N, C-alpha and C. Protein backbone atom coordinates (compact mmCIF):
# COMPACT_ATOMS: atom_id res chain seq x y z
N MET A 1 0.84 -1.13 -0.21
CA MET A 1 0.07 0.23 0.25
C MET A 1 1.07 1.05 -0.03
N THR A 2 0.44 1.92 -0.83
CA THR A 2 1.22 3.59 -0.83
C THR A 2 0.98 3.92 0.44
N GLU A 3 1.51 5.21 0.69
CA GLU A 3 1.21 6.39 1.56
C GLU A 3 0.57 6.69 1.53
N ASP A 4 0.19 7.64 0.04
CA ASP A 4 -1.58 7.72 0.12
C ASP A 4 -2.19 7.32 0.34
N GLN A 5 -2.54 6.25 0.14
CA GLN A 5 -3.64 4.89 0.48
C GLN A 5 -3.67 4.74 2.07
N ASN A 6 -2.63 4.31 2.93
CA ASN A 6 -2.37 4.75 4.34
C ASN A 6 -3.21 5.56 4.81
N GLN A 7 -3.11 6.62 4.47
CA GLN A 7 -3.35 8.52 5.27
C GLN A 7 -4.73 8.30 5.04
N LYS A 8 -5.27 7.93 3.79
CA LYS A 8 -6.60 7.53 3.28
C LYS A 8 -7.76 7.10 3.81
N ILE A 9 -6.98 5.35 4.31
CA ILE A 9 -7.38 5.20 4.94
C ILE A 9 -7.97 5.51 6.57
N ALA A 10 -6.68 5.59 7.04
CA ALA A 10 -6.28 6.57 8.68
C ALA A 10 -7.44 7.95 8.54
N ALA A 11 -7.30 8.41 7.50
CA ALA A 11 -8.88 9.81 7.78
C ALA A 11 -9.69 9.30 8.03
N ASN A 12 -10.38 8.00 6.74
CA ASN A 12 -11.53 7.40 6.92
C ASN A 12 -12.10 6.78 8.04
N TYR A 13 -10.83 5.91 8.86
CA TYR A 13 -10.90 5.65 10.27
C TYR A 13 -11.40 6.39 11.42
N MET A 14 -10.75 7.92 11.01
CA MET A 14 -10.68 8.76 12.20
C MET A 14 -12.50 9.29 11.84
N ALA A 15 -12.78 9.20 11.09
CA ALA A 15 -14.11 10.08 10.08
C ALA A 15 -15.34 9.03 11.14
N ALA A 16 -14.87 7.48 10.78
CA ALA A 16 -15.75 6.78 11.64
C ALA A 16 -15.46 6.55 12.99
N VAL A 17 -15.07 6.88 13.57
CA VAL A 17 -14.86 7.32 15.19
C VAL A 17 -15.54 8.20 15.61
N ALA A 18 -14.99 9.34 14.57
CA ALA A 18 -16.27 10.42 15.05
C ALA A 18 -17.63 10.11 14.91
N HIS A 19 -18.13 9.59 13.87
CA HIS A 19 -19.19 9.29 13.90
C HIS A 19 -20.09 8.52 15.14
N LEU A 20 -18.65 7.87 15.00
CA LEU A 20 -19.71 6.47 16.20
C LEU A 20 -19.78 7.49 17.72
N LEU A 21 -18.81 8.09 18.28
CA LEU A 21 -18.80 8.79 19.23
C LEU A 21 -19.53 10.04 19.22
N GLY A 22 -19.82 10.92 18.26
CA GLY A 22 -20.64 12.03 18.07
C GLY A 22 -22.17 10.99 18.07
N GLY A 23 -22.41 10.69 16.98
CA GLY A 23 -23.36 10.24 16.90
C GLY A 23 -24.09 10.47 15.30
N ARG A 24 -23.36 10.71 14.59
CA ARG A 24 -23.97 11.36 12.82
C ARG A 24 -23.32 11.44 12.72
N PRO A 25 -23.49 11.88 11.05
CA PRO A 25 -22.21 11.97 9.82
C PRO A 25 -21.62 13.19 9.79
N GLY A 26 -20.77 13.23 9.09
CA GLY A 26 -20.45 14.75 9.27
C GLY A 26 -19.63 15.34 10.21
N LEU A 27 -19.19 14.58 11.24
CA LEU A 27 -18.58 15.54 12.06
C LEU A 27 -17.04 15.37 11.88
N HIS A 28 -16.10 14.59 10.79
CA HIS A 28 -14.63 14.43 10.42
C HIS A 28 -14.13 16.13 11.35
N ASP A 29 -14.58 17.42 10.62
CA ASP A 29 -13.92 18.52 10.22
C ASP A 29 -13.96 18.53 12.21
N GLU A 30 -15.13 19.10 12.64
CA GLU A 30 -15.47 19.53 13.90
C GLU A 30 -14.52 18.50 14.66
N PHE A 31 -15.05 17.52 14.83
CA PHE A 31 -13.85 16.27 16.09
C PHE A 31 -12.82 16.56 16.39
N ILE A 32 -11.99 16.79 14.85
CA ILE A 32 -10.19 16.55 15.01
C ILE A 32 -10.47 18.28 15.29
N ARG A 33 -11.33 19.13 15.19
CA ARG A 33 -10.93 20.46 15.91
C ARG A 33 -10.61 20.67 17.59
N LYS A 34 -11.92 19.57 17.42
CA LYS A 34 -12.20 19.32 19.09
C LYS A 34 -11.74 18.38 20.18
N VAL A 35 -10.86 17.24 19.39
CA VAL A 35 -10.38 15.99 19.84
C VAL A 35 -9.14 15.76 19.29
N GLU A 36 -8.54 15.82 20.40
CA GLU A 36 -7.14 15.15 19.65
C GLU A 36 -6.74 13.99 19.56
N LEU A 37 -7.09 13.45 18.67
CA LEU A 37 -7.10 11.90 17.86
C LEU A 37 -5.86 11.25 17.51
N ILE A 38 -5.39 10.00 17.93
CA ILE A 38 -4.63 9.38 18.02
C ILE A 38 -4.41 8.34 17.26
N LEU A 39 -4.07 7.96 16.04
CA LEU A 39 -4.13 6.31 15.80
C LEU A 39 -2.87 6.17 15.84
N SER A 40 -2.32 5.12 16.67
CA SER A 40 -1.35 4.40 16.75
C SER A 40 -0.26 3.74 16.95
N GLY A 41 0.47 2.73 16.46
CA GLY A 41 1.25 2.07 16.12
C GLY A 41 1.67 0.97 17.97
N ASN A 42 1.76 1.98 18.73
CA ASN A 42 1.80 1.75 20.11
C ASN A 42 0.58 1.95 20.88
N GLU A 43 0.99 0.40 22.07
CA GLU A 43 -0.14 1.12 23.26
C GLU A 43 -0.05 2.57 24.07
N PRO A 44 -1.84 2.85 24.34
CA PRO A 44 -0.92 3.85 25.12
C PRO A 44 -1.01 3.43 26.46
N HIS A 45 0.16 4.25 27.20
CA HIS A 45 0.74 3.62 28.37
C HIS A 45 0.40 4.94 29.25
N ALA A 46 0.57 5.11 30.86
CA ALA A 46 0.27 6.48 31.73
C ALA A 46 1.72 6.85 30.91
N LEU A 47 2.35 6.47 31.21
CA LEU A 47 3.58 7.72 31.01
C LEU A 47 3.24 8.79 29.22
N GLN A 48 3.11 8.04 28.26
CA GLN A 48 2.38 8.95 26.95
C GLN A 48 1.39 9.71 27.28
N LEU A 49 0.13 9.13 28.04
CA LEU A 49 -1.09 9.82 28.30
C LEU A 49 -0.61 11.01 29.37
N MET A 50 0.13 10.86 30.17
CA MET A 50 0.29 11.52 31.07
C MET A 50 0.77 13.26 30.24
N GLN A 51 1.55 12.90 29.19
CA GLN A 51 2.46 14.40 28.56
C GLN A 51 1.55 15.36 28.07
N PHE A 52 -0.27 14.41 28.20
CA PHE A 52 -0.57 15.53 27.31
C PHE A 52 -1.54 16.52 28.53
N SER A 53 -1.68 15.82 29.47
CA SER A 53 -2.57 16.40 31.21
C SER A 53 -2.60 17.63 30.86
N GLU A 54 -1.27 18.40 31.20
CA GLU A 54 -1.59 20.43 30.91
C GLU A 54 -2.16 20.52 29.94
N THR A 55 -2.38 20.17 29.43
CA THR A 55 -2.65 20.70 27.71
C THR A 55 -4.26 20.48 27.86
N VAL A 56 -4.86 19.35 28.24
CA VAL A 56 -5.80 18.95 28.18
C VAL A 56 -6.81 19.87 29.49
N ARG A 57 -5.92 20.30 30.65
CA ARG A 57 -6.40 20.83 31.51
C ARG A 57 -6.87 22.19 31.26
N ARG A 58 -5.56 22.71 30.43
CA ARG A 58 -5.29 24.28 29.60
C ARG A 58 -6.67 24.27 28.31
N THR A 59 -6.67 23.48 27.87
CA THR A 59 -7.71 23.70 26.42
C THR A 59 -9.17 23.12 26.70
N GLY A 60 -8.89 22.04 27.86
CA GLY A 60 -10.55 21.25 27.61
C GLY A 60 -10.69 20.44 26.68
N ARG A 61 -9.05 20.34 25.44
CA ARG A 61 -9.70 19.53 24.58
C ARG A 61 -9.15 17.79 24.85
N PRO A 62 -10.00 17.04 24.99
CA PRO A 62 -9.79 15.59 25.04
C PRO A 62 -8.92 14.86 24.55
N VAL A 63 -7.88 14.12 24.69
CA VAL A 63 -7.00 12.96 23.65
C VAL A 63 -7.78 11.69 24.02
N ILE A 64 -7.82 11.20 22.43
CA ILE A 64 -8.23 9.54 22.29
C ILE A 64 -7.22 8.95 21.55
N TRP A 65 -6.37 8.52 21.99
CA TRP A 65 -5.16 7.11 21.89
C TRP A 65 -5.71 6.14 21.17
N ILE A 66 -5.66 5.80 20.09
CA ILE A 66 -6.37 4.80 19.54
C ILE A 66 -5.59 3.50 19.08
N HIS A 67 -5.25 2.39 19.54
CA HIS A 67 -3.75 1.35 19.44
C HIS A 67 -5.01 -0.28 18.89
N HIS A 68 -4.15 -0.39 17.74
CA HIS A 68 -4.86 -1.53 17.11
C HIS A 68 -4.04 -2.96 17.62
N PRO A 69 -4.01 -3.92 18.47
CA PRO A 69 -3.03 -5.01 18.71
C PRO A 69 -3.62 -6.18 17.59
N GLU A 70 -2.31 -6.48 17.37
CA GLU A 70 -2.40 -7.45 15.89
C GLU A 70 -3.30 -8.53 16.89
N ASP A 71 -3.05 -9.22 18.43
CA ASP A 71 -3.86 -10.05 18.25
C ASP A 71 -5.41 -10.00 18.87
N TRP A 72 -6.18 -8.93 18.90
CA TRP A 72 -7.30 -8.55 19.29
C TRP A 72 -8.35 -8.31 18.51
N ASN A 73 -7.77 -9.08 17.52
CA ASN A 73 -9.50 -8.85 16.32
C ASN A 73 -10.06 -7.75 15.94
N ASN A 74 -9.11 -6.92 15.79
CA ASN A 74 -9.14 -5.52 15.08
C ASN A 74 -10.38 -4.77 16.20
N PHE A 75 -10.53 -5.12 17.66
CA PHE A 75 -10.84 -4.65 18.99
C PHE A 75 -9.49 -3.69 19.22
N PRO A 76 -9.89 -2.04 19.02
CA PRO A 76 -8.78 -1.27 19.13
C PRO A 76 -8.87 -1.28 20.99
N GLN A 77 -7.34 -1.18 21.22
CA GLN A 77 -6.75 -0.23 22.45
C GLN A 77 -7.10 1.19 22.48
N ILE A 78 -8.49 2.03 23.59
CA ILE A 78 -8.70 3.11 23.60
C ILE A 78 -7.82 3.65 24.66
N GLY A 79 -7.05 4.60 24.50
CA GLY A 79 -6.68 5.85 25.37
C GLY A 79 -7.12 6.69 25.99
N LEU A 80 -7.70 7.19 26.93
CA LEU A 80 -8.37 8.71 26.72
C LEU A 80 -7.28 9.53 27.88
N VAL A 81 -7.44 10.61 27.65
CA VAL A 81 -7.01 11.89 28.54
C VAL A 81 -8.47 13.08 28.44
N ALA A 82 -8.98 12.98 29.76
CA ALA A 82 -9.92 14.06 29.76
C ALA A 82 -10.54 14.68 31.11
N LEU A 83 -10.61 15.52 30.61
CA LEU A 83 -10.80 16.67 31.74
C LEU A 83 -12.47 16.29 32.40
N ALA A 84 -12.87 16.44 33.49
CA ALA A 84 -14.38 16.22 34.05
C ALA A 84 -14.13 17.51 35.59
N GLY A 85 -14.55 18.32 35.44
CA GLY A 85 -13.95 19.47 36.65
C GLY A 85 -12.52 20.07 36.43
N GLU A 86 -12.54 19.53 37.43
CA GLU A 86 -11.03 20.45 37.91
C GLU A 86 -10.06 18.75 37.50
N GLN A 87 -10.55 18.01 37.47
CA GLN A 87 -9.74 16.53 37.46
C GLN A 87 -9.25 15.72 36.03
N VAL A 88 -8.06 16.19 35.74
CA VAL A 88 -7.64 14.94 34.16
C VAL A 88 -7.93 13.72 34.72
N PHE A 89 -8.54 13.13 34.52
CA PHE A 89 -8.21 11.57 33.79
C PHE A 89 -7.45 11.08 32.78
N MET A 90 -6.80 10.17 32.97
CA MET A 90 -6.06 9.73 32.45
C MET A 90 -6.13 7.76 32.33
N ILE A 91 -6.61 7.58 31.22
CA ILE A 91 -6.94 5.95 31.43
C ILE A 91 -6.69 5.06 30.14
N GLU A 92 -5.70 4.01 30.56
CA GLU A 92 -5.17 3.41 29.45
C GLU A 92 -5.95 2.51 29.01
N ASN A 93 -6.74 2.05 29.25
CA ASN A 93 -8.05 1.42 28.12
C ASN A 93 -9.33 1.69 28.62
N CYS A 94 -9.99 2.20 27.41
CA CYS A 94 -11.64 2.38 27.45
C CYS A 94 -12.31 1.43 26.40
N VAL A 95 -13.37 0.88 26.77
CA VAL A 95 -13.95 0.48 26.04
C VAL A 95 -15.32 1.77 25.37
N PRO A 96 -15.56 1.20 24.09
CA PRO A 96 -16.95 1.87 23.42
C PRO A 96 -17.76 1.11 23.88
N TRP A 97 -18.89 1.55 24.31
CA TRP A 97 -20.13 0.88 24.48
C TRP A 97 -21.11 1.44 24.15
N MET A 98 -22.95 0.63 23.63
CA MET A 98 -23.56 1.17 22.93
C MET A 98 -24.64 0.67 23.31
N ARG A 99 -25.51 0.95 23.22
CA ARG A 99 -27.24 0.80 24.12
C ARG A 99 -27.66 0.55 22.18
N ALA A 100 -28.61 -0.53 22.29
CA ALA A 100 -29.34 -0.95 20.76
C ALA A 100 -30.09 1.05 20.91
N SER A 101 -30.28 1.04 22.10
CA SER A 101 -31.41 2.84 21.60
C SER A 101 -29.97 4.16 21.32
N ASP A 102 -28.73 3.53 21.36
CA ASP A 102 -27.78 4.89 21.27
C ASP A 102 -27.78 5.13 19.90
N ASP A 103 -27.69 6.60 19.77
CA ASP A 103 -27.21 7.21 18.87
C ASP A 103 -25.76 7.04 18.58
N ARG A 104 -25.10 7.12 19.81
CA ARG A 104 -23.72 7.29 20.07
C ARG A 104 -22.82 6.12 21.10
N ALA A 105 -21.87 5.88 20.90
CA ALA A 105 -21.25 5.47 21.83
C ALA A 105 -20.61 5.71 23.02
N HIS A 106 -20.60 5.01 24.15
CA HIS A 106 -19.78 5.58 25.09
C HIS A 106 -18.62 5.65 25.64
N LEU A 107 -17.55 5.73 26.13
CA LEU A 107 -15.90 5.16 26.29
C LEU A 107 -16.11 5.39 27.86
N ILE A 108 -16.34 3.69 28.31
CA ILE A 108 -15.96 3.33 29.63
C ILE A 108 -14.57 2.86 29.83
N PRO A 109 -14.00 3.23 31.28
CA PRO A 109 -12.81 2.35 31.48
C PRO A 109 -12.80 1.15 31.98
N ASP A 110 -12.17 0.73 31.36
CA ASP A 110 -12.16 -1.42 31.10
C ASP A 110 -12.61 -1.79 32.54
N CYS A 111 -12.32 -0.58 33.70
CA CYS A 111 -12.41 -1.33 35.34
C CYS A 111 -14.04 -1.45 35.67
N TYR A 112 -14.39 -0.24 34.82
CA TYR A 112 -16.19 -0.60 34.85
C TYR A 112 -16.64 0.82 36.00
N LYS A 113 -15.58 1.04 36.89
CA LYS A 113 -15.75 1.68 38.20
C LYS A 113 -15.18 2.91 38.70
N MET A 114 -15.09 3.87 37.47
CA MET A 114 -14.29 5.21 36.99
C MET A 114 -15.63 6.26 36.14
N GLY A 115 -16.68 5.61 35.97
CA GLY A 115 -17.75 6.00 35.16
C GLY A 115 -17.67 5.57 33.80
N ALA A 116 -17.93 7.05 32.72
CA ALA A 116 -17.84 6.22 31.78
C ALA A 116 -17.97 8.50 31.00
N PHE A 117 -17.45 8.03 29.77
CA PHE A 117 -17.72 9.28 28.78
C PHE A 117 -18.57 9.52 27.79
N ARG A 118 -18.90 10.22 27.77
CA ARG A 118 -19.68 10.64 26.16
C ARG A 118 -19.77 11.86 25.38
N PHE A 119 -19.72 11.81 24.31
CA PHE A 119 -20.04 13.31 23.53
C PHE A 119 -21.58 13.41 23.83
N ASP A 120 -21.98 14.93 24.03
CA ASP A 120 -22.68 15.94 23.82
C ASP A 120 -22.73 16.29 22.51
N ASP A 121 -24.13 16.70 21.75
CA ASP A 121 -24.65 17.07 20.36
C ASP A 121 -23.15 18.62 20.26
N GLU A 122 -22.75 18.93 20.81
CA GLU A 122 -21.77 20.19 20.55
C GLU A 122 -20.27 19.34 20.88
N LEU A 123 -19.93 18.34 20.61
CA LEU A 123 -19.45 17.28 20.62
C LEU A 123 -18.03 18.08 21.90
N ARG A 124 -18.37 17.97 23.36
CA ARG A 124 -17.85 18.51 24.43
C ARG A 124 -18.02 16.90 25.31
N LEU A 125 -17.16 16.33 25.72
CA LEU A 125 -17.22 15.27 26.05
C LEU A 125 -17.67 15.36 27.84
N GLN A 126 -18.76 14.47 28.06
CA GLN A 126 -19.01 14.92 29.34
C GLN A 126 -19.23 13.36 30.04
N TYR A 127 -18.29 14.17 30.82
CA TYR A 127 -18.28 12.87 32.23
C TYR A 127 -19.96 12.33 32.99
N VAL A 128 -19.96 10.69 33.03
CA VAL A 128 -20.74 9.85 33.55
C VAL A 128 -19.79 9.33 34.88
N ARG A 129 -20.91 9.74 36.34
CA ARG A 129 -20.11 9.48 37.30
C ARG A 129 -20.23 7.96 37.20
N LYS A 130 -21.17 7.71 36.99
CA LYS A 130 -21.63 6.18 36.99
C LYS A 130 -21.96 5.65 35.54
N SER A 131 -20.78 4.19 35.21
CA SER A 131 -20.67 3.73 34.46
C SER A 131 -22.63 3.10 33.81
N PRO A 132 -22.63 2.85 32.80
CA PRO A 132 -23.73 2.12 32.32
C PRO A 132 -23.64 1.03 32.32
N ALA A 133 -22.27 0.30 33.03
CA ALA A 133 -22.17 -1.41 32.91
C ALA A 133 -21.24 -1.57 34.02
N SER A 134 -21.84 -2.21 34.46
CA SER A 134 -21.15 -2.66 36.13
C SER A 134 -19.87 -3.72 35.94
N GLY A 135 -19.56 -4.57 34.97
CA GLY A 135 -18.29 -5.29 34.27
C GLY A 135 -18.53 -5.79 33.29
N PHE A 136 -17.73 -6.62 32.83
CA PHE A 136 -17.16 -6.88 31.49
C PHE A 136 -18.47 -7.73 31.18
N LYS A 137 -18.71 -8.68 31.62
CA LYS A 137 -19.93 -9.58 31.81
C LYS A 137 -21.10 -9.15 31.24
N SER A 138 -21.40 -7.95 32.12
CA SER A 138 -23.06 -7.21 31.34
C SER A 138 -22.65 -6.38 30.52
N ALA A 139 -21.37 -5.66 29.70
CA ALA A 139 -21.09 -5.30 29.24
C ALA A 139 -20.97 -5.65 27.65
N ILE A 140 -20.24 -7.02 27.65
CA ILE A 140 -20.08 -7.50 25.88
C ILE A 140 -20.87 -7.10 25.51
N LYS A 141 -21.96 -7.52 25.27
CA LYS A 141 -23.05 -7.52 24.21
C LYS A 141 -23.13 -5.56 23.51
N SER A 142 -22.88 -5.01 24.34
CA SER A 142 -22.62 -3.38 23.86
C SER A 142 -21.48 -2.80 23.39
N ILE A 143 -20.83 -3.34 23.77
CA ILE A 143 -19.33 -2.95 23.38
C ILE A 143 -19.23 -4.20 22.25
N ALA A 144 -19.43 -5.16 22.02
CA ALA A 144 -19.83 -5.90 20.45
C ALA A 144 -20.45 -4.46 19.77
N ARG A 145 -21.75 -4.29 20.18
CA ARG A 145 -22.68 -3.02 19.27
C ARG A 145 -21.82 -1.56 18.88
N ALA A 146 -20.78 -1.63 19.57
CA ALA A 146 -20.50 -0.69 19.23
C ALA A 146 -19.07 -1.29 18.01
N HIS A 147 -18.63 -1.73 18.47
CA HIS A 147 -17.64 -2.32 17.06
C HIS A 147 -18.04 -2.71 16.15
N ILE A 148 -19.55 -3.11 15.92
CA ILE A 148 -19.65 -3.74 14.53
C ILE A 148 -20.29 -2.47 13.96
N ARG A 149 -21.26 -1.41 14.93
CA ARG A 149 -21.28 0.04 14.42
C ARG A 149 -20.29 0.36 13.69
N LEU A 150 -19.16 0.21 14.41
CA LEU A 150 -18.08 1.37 13.80
C LEU A 150 -17.52 0.59 12.26
N ARG A 151 -17.36 -0.61 11.95
CA ARG A 151 -17.65 -1.38 10.79
C ARG A 151 -18.37 -0.66 10.01
N GLU A 152 -19.49 -0.94 10.28
CA GLU A 152 -20.96 -0.89 9.76
C GLU A 152 -20.26 1.16 9.16
N ILE A 153 -20.13 2.15 10.16
CA ILE A 153 -19.83 2.99 9.30
C ILE A 153 -18.94 3.46 8.47
N GLU A 154 -18.03 2.49 8.65
CA GLU A 154 -16.76 2.48 7.82
C GLU A 154 -17.38 1.29 6.35
N THR A 155 -18.18 0.68 6.12
CA THR A 155 -18.66 0.03 5.25
C THR A 155 -19.67 0.67 4.55
N GLU A 156 -19.95 1.66 4.94
CA GLU A 156 -20.63 2.81 4.63
C GLU A 156 -20.41 4.16 3.67
N GLN A 157 -19.23 4.33 4.74
CA GLN A 157 -18.82 5.39 3.99
C GLN A 157 -17.57 5.02 2.72
N ARG A 158 -17.57 3.64 2.96
CA ARG A 158 -16.85 3.08 1.64
C ARG A 158 -17.93 3.07 -0.17
N GLU A 159 -19.30 2.70 0.47
CA GLU A 159 -20.18 2.48 -0.15
C GLU A 159 -20.90 4.03 -0.74
N ARG A 160 -20.84 5.08 -0.07
CA ARG A 160 -20.66 6.15 -0.59
C ARG A 160 -19.40 6.90 -1.23
N GLY A 161 -18.22 6.14 -1.34
CA GLY A 161 -17.29 7.13 -1.84
C GLY A 161 -16.85 8.37 -0.36
N ASP A 162 -17.07 7.63 0.17
CA ASP A 162 -16.59 9.39 0.80
C ASP A 162 -14.73 9.64 1.31
N VAL A 163 -14.61 10.84 1.09
CA VAL A 163 -13.36 10.61 1.17
C VAL A 163 -12.69 11.84 2.42
N PHE A 164 -12.11 11.62 3.19
CA PHE A 164 -11.45 12.40 4.15
C PHE A 164 -10.28 13.00 4.59
N THR A 165 -9.74 13.86 5.08
CA THR A 165 -8.10 14.09 4.76
C THR A 165 -7.94 13.99 6.72
N LEU A 166 -6.67 14.12 6.63
CA LEU A 166 -5.83 13.82 7.80
C LEU A 166 -5.50 14.88 8.28
N PRO A 167 -5.54 15.44 9.48
CA PRO A 167 -5.33 16.12 10.06
C PRO A 167 -3.30 17.15 9.68
N GLN A 168 -3.51 18.18 9.49
CA GLN A 168 -2.20 18.55 9.20
C GLN A 168 -1.06 17.95 10.00
N LEU A 169 -1.04 17.67 11.20
CA LEU A 169 0.17 17.13 11.67
C LEU A 169 0.44 15.82 11.36
N ALA A 170 -1.29 15.62 11.76
CA ALA A 170 -1.02 13.49 10.90
C ALA A 170 -0.46 13.68 9.86
N LYS A 171 -0.16 14.22 8.98
CA LYS A 171 0.51 13.93 7.35
C LYS A 171 1.54 13.85 7.71
N ALA A 172 2.40 14.91 8.85
CA ALA A 172 3.71 14.93 9.01
C ALA A 172 4.41 14.26 9.45
N ALA A 173 3.15 13.55 10.48
CA ALA A 173 4.07 12.27 11.26
C ALA A 173 4.38 10.78 10.77
């Protein structure tokens, strides 16, 4: 695959993530302005996420770090740095979670005891103190639903012929 093809795939994936978390298509550019979305070959670790904490505190702009481990069958590992009130959360692994009736996915820390995060209609990340799932067993169907929906969004984009662009900094990376 050429570098240009890889950049198109990455940009379209970013747009699919924006749609999944924002609840509707057409949010790519606004989402990229409001969220630092990182697609990485490396797992998010606390020390790496910590480097974003001051920027997140200053700007309120959350960081979502997505890594696709080879052995996880297309389930990404999602790191998150987010501001909730005065507290900055640094979470190494969140899972996307979605009820059948939802138009967007939540991000739930995989310990299921730290609440959840959900974007509102203005793409502001909101903290929910109580996780909508009490543990992995109760969450698995909703996690699978979110991953299936992400794949459906990617398929819909391809079928429509949607093409998105990478943010300027991603092109340089």
